[in-house]
Amino acid sequence: MYLTSEAKKAIFKEHGGSDKNTGVAESQIALFTERINHLTGHLKVNKKDHGTEKALMTMVGKRKQLLAYLKMYDIERYRAIIAKLGLRK
């Protein structure tokens, strides 16, 4: 598997403060971003993989919802995660 449990723990520790803090919006957004980047690379090679394309669109939608939630409730955390991950917004 491309994303091992150690890699997930590192993402959660960097963005959530602790490797066990998986529920914070920033850590979930970071995990979705990592998975989206992986699937984007996969789809560049395998253009006809429509199942993966649907999964990618679902993940993009979930990340968008989390970003909208964060923007509505805490604009500073939203700006920080956008800058940290280098997302276009």
Protein backbone atom coordinates (compact mmCIF):
# COMPACT_ATOMS: atom_id res chain seq x y z
CA MET A 1 0.00 0.00 0.00
CA TYR A 2 1.27 3.44 -0.86
CA LEU A 3 0.33 5.07 2.47
CA THR A 4 1.61 3.07 5.43
CA SER A 5 0.47 3.55 8.99
CA GLU A 6 3.79 5.23 9.82
CA ALA A 7 3.24 7.75 7.03
CA LYS A 8 -0.28 8.46 8.30
CA LYS A 9 1.02 8.94 11.84
CA ALA A 10 3.62 11.39 10.52
CA ILE A 11 0.90 13.37 8.71
CA PHE A 12 -1.29 13.43 11.82
CA LYS A 13 1.63 14.46 14.02
CA GLU A 14 2.64 17.29 11.68
CA HIS A 15 -0.83 18.72 11.13
CA GLY A 16 -2.81 17.58 14.17
CA GLY A 17 -0.26 18.00 16.95
CA SER A 18 -0.18 14.31 17.89
CA ASP A 19 -0.10 11.04 15.95
CA LYS A 20 -3.29 9.96 17.74
CA ASN A 21 -5.13 13.21 16.98
CA THR A 22 -6.82 12.02 13.78
CA GLY A 23 -10.08 13.93 14.09
CA VAL A 24 -8.75 17.46 13.67
CA ALA A 25 -9.86 19.04 10.39
CA GLU A 26 -6.29 20.00 9.47
CA SER A 27 -5.04 16.43 9.75
CA GLN A 28 -7.95 15.08 7.73
CA ILE A 29 -7.41 17.71 5.03
CA ALA A 30 -3.70 16.83 4.91
CA LEU A 31 -4.49 13.11 4.58
CA PHE A 32 -7.01 13.77 1.80
CA THR A 33 -4.44 15.96 0.03
CA GLU A 34 -1.84 13.19 0.17
CA ARG A 35 -4.31 10.65 -1.20
CA ILE A 36 -5.51 13.05 -3.91
CA ASN A 37 -1.94 13.68 -5.06
CA HIS A 38 -1.30 9.94 -5.25
CA LEU A 39 -4.47 9.26 -7.27
CA THR A 40 -3.73 12.18 -9.59
CA GLY A 41 -0.38 10.63 -10.45
CA HIS A 42 -2.06 7.26 -10.99
CA LEU A 43 -4.62 8.76 -13.36
CA LYS A 44 -1.94 10.49 -15.43
CA VAL A 45 -0.61 7.03 -16.30
CA ASN A 46 -3.95 5.14 -16.40
CA LYS A 47 -6.33 7.47 -18.22
CA LYS A 48 -9.19 4.96 -18.55
CA ASP A 49 -9.44 4.03 -14.86
CA HIS A 50 -12.91 5.45 -14.26
CA GLY A 51 -13.37 3.88 -10.82
CA THR A 52 -10.33 5.68 -9.51
CA GLU A 53 -11.50 8.87 -11.15
CA LYS A 54 -14.81 8.65 -9.29
CA ALA A 55 -12.99 7.99 -6.01
CA LEU A 56 -10.77 11.00 -6.68
CA MET A 57 -13.77 13.26 -7.24
CA THR A 58 -15.33 11.99 -4.00
CA MET A 59 -12.16 12.78 -2.05
CA VAL A 60 -11.91 16.24 -3.59
CA GLY A 61 -15.51 16.88 -2.52
CA LYS A 62 -14.86 15.72 1.05
CA ARG A 63 -11.74 17.89 1.30
CA LYS A 64 -13.73 20.84 -0.04
CA GLN A 65 -16.39 20.30 2.64
CA LEU A 66 -13.76 20.19 5.39
CA LEU A 67 -12.14 23.37 4.05
CA ALA A 68 -15.53 25.11 3.95
CA TYR A 69 -16.18 24.06 7.56
CA LEU A 70 -12.80 25.34 8.68
CA LYS A 71 -13.26 28.61 6.79
CA MET A 72 -16.64 29.19 8.38
CA TYR A 73 -15.58 28.52 11.99
CA ASP A 74 -11.91 29.51 12.18
CA ILE A 75 -10.50 31.57 9.31
CA GLU A 76 -6.96 31.67 10.77
CA ARG A 77 -6.66 27.87 10.87
CA TYR A 78 -8.07 27.77 7.32
CA ARG A 79 -5.46 30.22 6.03
CA ALA A 80 -2.69 28.34 7.83
CA ILE A 81 -3.58 24.94 6.33
CA ILE A 82 -3.99 26.44 2.83
CA ALA A 83 -0.54 27.99 3.07
CA LYS A 84 1.05 24.88 4.60
CA LEU A 85 -0.28 22.48 1.96
CA GLY A 86 0.04 24.90 -0.94
CA LEU A 87 -3.58 24.61 -2.05
CA ARG A 88 -5.15 27.09 -4.45
CA LYS A 89 -7.96 29.03 -2.83
